Structures are given as C-alpha cells and as structure tokens.
Amino acid sequence: MRRGSFILLAVGALLVSAPARAQTYDPSYPVCMQIYGQVGYFDCRYTSMEQCRFLAVGRSASCVANPYFPQQRAAPRARR
C-alpha cells in the first residue's frame, strides 16, 4: 500500500510541474496568423506584421496583433 501511494504521489508531482499552455495565442510573439478552413487555428510565431503577411500570401489566412503579447511601457519621466 505504501508503494502505491508513493507512485501516485510521484506521478501527481510530475503532472503538476509541467507548464500548461491552454491559451489560443502564444504570448511570446506579437503577431499571429489566423488560418481559416475546416480546422481553423491561430499560429502565433511571427515577429512583425510584414513577416506574417508575406507568409500568408496564397493561403486562406489573415494576420492579427496578438492581444496577449506583453506591451513594453515607456519608463516614467522624472518630475521637475
């Protein structure tokens, strides 16, 4: 019984430690390509809108800005 509990605990720890990505948009890239068809999906691996549009030519797809990409904020200015 003790061995079964240990195995169950070890498997549970492995499952919890793996990062889960259930988000449609990948937050690592600023531009996503939305591919249309029977199985539509978002492909978020583009660094610019131009790159995405170049690779979307001839496909049933469009390029969109990734709403989950963290925007860099300007540093606050010092008050005088």
Protein backbone atom coordinates (compact mmCIF):
# COMPACT_ATOMS: atom_id res chain seq x y z
CA MET A 1 0.00 0.00 0.00
CA ARG A 2 2.83 2.36 0.84
CA ARG A 3 4.49 1.81 -2.54
CA GLY A 4 1.24 2.55 -4.43
CA SER A 5 0.82 5.80 -2.53
CA PHE A 6 4.38 6.82 -3.36
CA ILE A 7 3.90 6.12 -7.07
CA LEU A 8 0.63 8.06 -7.11
CA LEU A 9 2.31 10.99 -5.36
CA ALA A 10 5.27 10.93 -7.79
CA VAL A 11 3.00 10.88 -10.88
CA GLY A 12 0.92 13.73 -9.43
CA ALA A 13 4.05 15.80 -8.82
CA LEU A 14 5.21 15.27 -12.40
CA LEU A 15 1.86 16.34 -13.82
CA VAL A 16 1.69 19.47 -11.70
CA SER A 17 5.26 20.56 -12.53
CA ALA A 18 4.70 20.57 -16.32
CA PRO A 19 3.75 24.02 -17.68
CA ALA A 20 0.29 24.12 -19.20
CA ARG A 21 -0.48 26.28 -22.25
CA ALA A 22 -4.17 26.25 -22.99
CA GLN A 23 -4.21 29.73 -24.46
CA THR A 24 -5.10 30.23 -28.13
CA TYR A 25 -2.49 32.95 -28.53
CA ASP A 26 1.19 32.37 -27.70
CA PRO A 27 2.29 35.34 -25.55
CA SER A 28 5.87 35.04 -26.84
CA TYR A 29 5.21 36.69 -30.24
CA PRO A 30 3.49 39.98 -31.14
CA VAL A 31 1.74 38.80 -34.36
CA CYS A 32 -0.49 35.79 -35.07
CA MET A 33 -1.79 34.32 -38.32
CA GLN A 34 -5.40 33.20 -38.23
CA ILE A 35 -5.82 30.30 -40.65
CA TYR A 36 -9.33 29.64 -41.94
CA GLY A 37 -10.70 26.30 -43.09
CA GLN A 38 -12.40 23.21 -41.73
CA VAL A 39 -9.92 23.24 -38.87
CA GLY A 40 -9.18 26.89 -38.17
CA TYR A 41 -6.41 27.85 -35.80
CA PHE A 42 -4.06 30.64 -34.74
CA ASP A 43 -0.34 30.37 -35.49
CA CYS A 44 1.50 32.81 -33.23
CA ARG A 45 5.17 32.80 -34.19
CA TYR A 46 5.72 36.00 -36.14
CA THR A 47 7.81 38.95 -35.07
CA SER A 48 6.25 41.52 -37.40
CA MET A 49 3.07 42.09 -39.37
CA GLU A 50 5.10 42.20 -42.61
CA GLN A 51 6.61 38.77 -41.93
CA CYS A 52 3.17 37.31 -41.27
CA ARG A 53 1.61 38.88 -44.37
CA PHE A 54 4.47 37.62 -46.55
CA LEU A 55 3.89 34.05 -45.35
CA ALA A 56 0.10 34.34 -45.61
CA VAL A 57 0.17 35.02 -49.37
CA GLY A 58 -1.85 32.39 -51.23
CA ARG A 59 -3.43 31.00 -48.09
CA SER A 60 -6.84 31.48 -46.60
CA ALA A 61 -5.45 33.42 -43.66
CA SER A 62 -5.13 36.84 -42.10
CA CYS A 63 -2.65 38.43 -39.70
CA VAL A 64 -3.73 39.91 -36.37
CA ALA A 65 -1.96 41.59 -33.47
CA ASN A 66 -1.58 39.27 -30.51
CA PRO A 67 -3.73 40.67 -27.68
CA TYR A 68 -1.76 38.66 -25.09
CA PHE A 69 1.70 39.88 -26.09
CA PRO A 70 3.04 41.98 -23.18
CA GLN A 71 3.42 45.57 -24.34
CA GLN A 72 6.53 47.36 -23.15
CA ARG A 73 5.68 50.53 -21.31
CA ALA A 74 7.76 53.65 -21.55
CA ALA A 75 9.78 54.46 -18.46
CA PRO A 76 8.11 57.11 -16.33
CA ARG A 77 9.62 60.56 -16.71
CA ALA A 78 11.10 62.28 -13.69
CA ARG A 79 9.08 65.18 -12.34
CA ARG A 80 10.70 68.59 -12.16
